[in-house]
Amino acid sequence: MLVHTKGIAMKKIKAAAVVTAALAGVAVATAPAQAHGATVDLSRNGCEYYGYSDHSQAYTWKESGSCSGHAWLRVRVNGVISSWYHDPSAVRIDAVSGASIQVSDHKSCADCSYKNIWHI
């Protein structure tokens, strides 16, 4: 469900799969990653766009300028990549309780390349 709140599109992502690895019959587990946030600069043609994410939420937003592009965002949660979501000004995705964002992908137009933020 896509819900607009205070100008930010929000999408709750539920973990669709739990990934476990086995090597020679031995299960390999990883320790939970520490929470940290990071940003990326997506600015182009005189317009300022930015992306931010940590383990629980991700945002892409247009800070200023008159470009016609949208803020675009998708995330990977527990190994599952979401669809792209976009909005003329800002988009936000929150991971549901117990899930963790592993990677967020941010871009400033449909045909632009994206920048990602890794949390693993």
Protein backbone atom coordinates (compact mmCIF):
# COMPACT_ATOMS: atom_id res chain seq x y z
CA MET A 1 0.00 0.00 0.00
CA LEU A 2 1.35 3.42 -0.98
CA VAL A 3 0.36 6.13 1.50
CA HIS A 4 1.21 9.83 1.21
CA THR A 5 1.97 11.51 4.52
CA LYS A 6 3.38 15.04 4.80
CA GLY A 7 4.49 14.97 1.16
CA ILE A 8 6.43 11.72 1.48
CA ALA A 9 5.18 8.53 -0.15
CA MET A 10 5.50 5.65 2.30
CA LYS A 11 5.63 1.95 1.51
CA LYS A 12 5.83 -0.79 4.11
CA ILE A 13 7.98 -3.64 2.90
CA LYS A 14 7.43 -7.03 4.46
CA ALA A 15 10.14 -9.63 4.37
CA ALA A 16 9.10 -12.11 1.70
CA ALA A 17 11.92 -14.54 2.32
CA VAL A 18 14.50 -15.46 4.92
CA VAL A 19 17.87 -16.23 3.47
CA THR A 20 20.07 -18.89 5.02
CA ALA A 21 23.24 -20.24 3.56
CA ALA A 22 24.71 -23.69 3.90
CA LEU A 23 28.22 -24.65 2.99
CA ALA A 24 29.14 -28.37 3.06
CA GLY A 25 26.13 -29.04 5.25
CA VAL A 26 27.08 -26.37 7.80
CA ALA A 27 24.68 -23.47 8.24
CA VAL A 28 26.32 -20.06 8.12
CA ALA A 29 24.76 -17.25 10.14
CA THR A 30 25.72 -13.60 10.17
CA ALA A 31 25.54 -11.21 13.08
CA PRO A 32 22.97 -8.43 12.78
CA ALA A 33 24.42 -5.39 11.06
CA GLN A 34 24.77 -2.27 13.15
CA ALA A 35 22.34 0.51 12.34
CA HIS A 36 23.89 3.31 10.34
CA GLY A 37 22.64 5.87 7.89
CA ALA A 38 24.16 7.19 4.71
CA THR A 39 23.27 9.67 1.97
CA VAL A 40 23.86 9.97 -1.78
CA ASP A 41 23.80 13.07 -3.98
CA LEU A 42 21.67 12.66 -7.13
CA SER A 43 21.79 16.29 -8.30
CA ARG A 44 21.64 17.00 -12.04
CA ASN A 45 20.99 19.92 -14.39
CA GLY A 46 20.74 22.50 -11.60
CA CYS A 47 18.30 20.42 -9.53
CA GLU A 48 19.22 18.98 -6.15
CA TYR A 49 18.09 15.43 -5.33
CA TYR A 50 19.28 13.33 -2.41
CA GLY A 51 18.86 9.83 -1.08
CA TYR A 52 19.15 8.54 2.49
CA SER A 53 18.74 5.14 4.10
CA ASP A 54 19.48 3.13 7.19
CA HIS A 55 18.31 -0.35 8.19
CA SER A 56 14.72 0.68 8.89
CA GLN A 57 13.88 3.40 6.33
CA ALA A 58 14.90 4.90 3.01
CA TYR A 59 14.08 8.23 1.34
CA THR A 60 14.70 9.94 -1.98
CA TRP A 61 13.70 13.59 -2.28
CA LYS A 62 13.97 16.63 -4.50
CA GLU A 63 15.50 19.49 -2.53
CA SER A 64 15.31 22.28 -5.14
CA GLY A 65 15.20 23.16 -8.85
CA SER A 66 12.70 23.02 -11.67
CA CYS A 67 13.61 19.69 -13.28
CA SER A 68 10.69 17.54 -14.34
CA GLY A 69 12.09 14.32 -12.87
CA HIS A 70 10.62 12.44 -9.92
CA ALA A 71 12.31 11.08 -6.81
CA TRP A 72 12.69 7.30 -7.34
CA LEU A 73 13.41 4.60 -4.75
CA ARG A 74 13.54 0.82 -4.35
CA VAL A 75 15.02 -1.33 -1.57
CA ARG A 76 16.21 -4.86 -0.91
CA VAL A 77 14.87 -6.36 2.31
CA ASN A 78 15.92 -9.86 3.37
CA GLY A 79 17.13 -10.59 -0.17
CA VAL A 80 13.96 -9.41 -1.94
CA ILE A 81 14.10 -6.34 -4.20
CA SER A 82 11.01 -4.14 -4.23
CA SER A 83 9.49 -2.44 -7.25
CA TRP A 84 10.51 1.13 -8.02
CA TYR A 85 8.35 3.79 -6.30
CA HIS A 86 8.35 7.43 -7.32
CA ASP A 87 6.80 10.79 -6.52
CA PRO A 88 7.30 14.34 -7.91
CA SER A 89 8.84 15.53 -4.63
CA ALA A 90 9.75 12.67 -2.25
CA VAL A 91 9.32 8.94 -1.67
CA ARG A 92 9.93 6.95 1.51
CA ILE A 93 9.97 3.21 2.23
CA ASP A 94 9.87 1.81 5.77
CA ALA A 95 10.80 -1.76 6.63
CA VAL A 96 8.28 -3.50 8.87
CA SER A 97 9.29 -4.50 12.37
CA GLY A 98 11.83 -7.31 12.33
CA ALA A 99 12.93 -6.66 8.73
CA SER A 100 16.09 -4.82 7.69
CA ILE A 101 16.90 -2.82 4.58
CA GLN A 102 20.05 -4.27 3.02
CA VAL A 103 20.38 -1.98 -0.01
CA SER A 104 18.54 1.13 -1.19
CA ASP A 105 18.61 2.36 -4.80
CA HIS A 106 17.97 6.07 -5.50
CA LYS A 107 17.54 8.01 -8.75
CA SER A 108 16.17 11.36 -9.94
CA CYS A 109 14.31 10.38 -13.12
CA ALA A 110 12.86 7.26 -14.75
CA ASP A 111 15.72 6.88 -17.25
CA CYS A 112 18.56 8.01 -14.95
CA SER A 113 21.14 5.66 -13.54
CA TYR A 114 20.78 4.98 -9.83
CA LYS A 115 23.07 5.19 -6.83
CA ASN A 116 22.81 2.70 -4.02
CA ILE A 117 23.51 2.59 -0.31
CA TRP A 118 24.58 -0.76 1.16
CA HIS A 119 23.86 -1.84 4.75
CA ILE A 120 25.45 -5.31 4.79
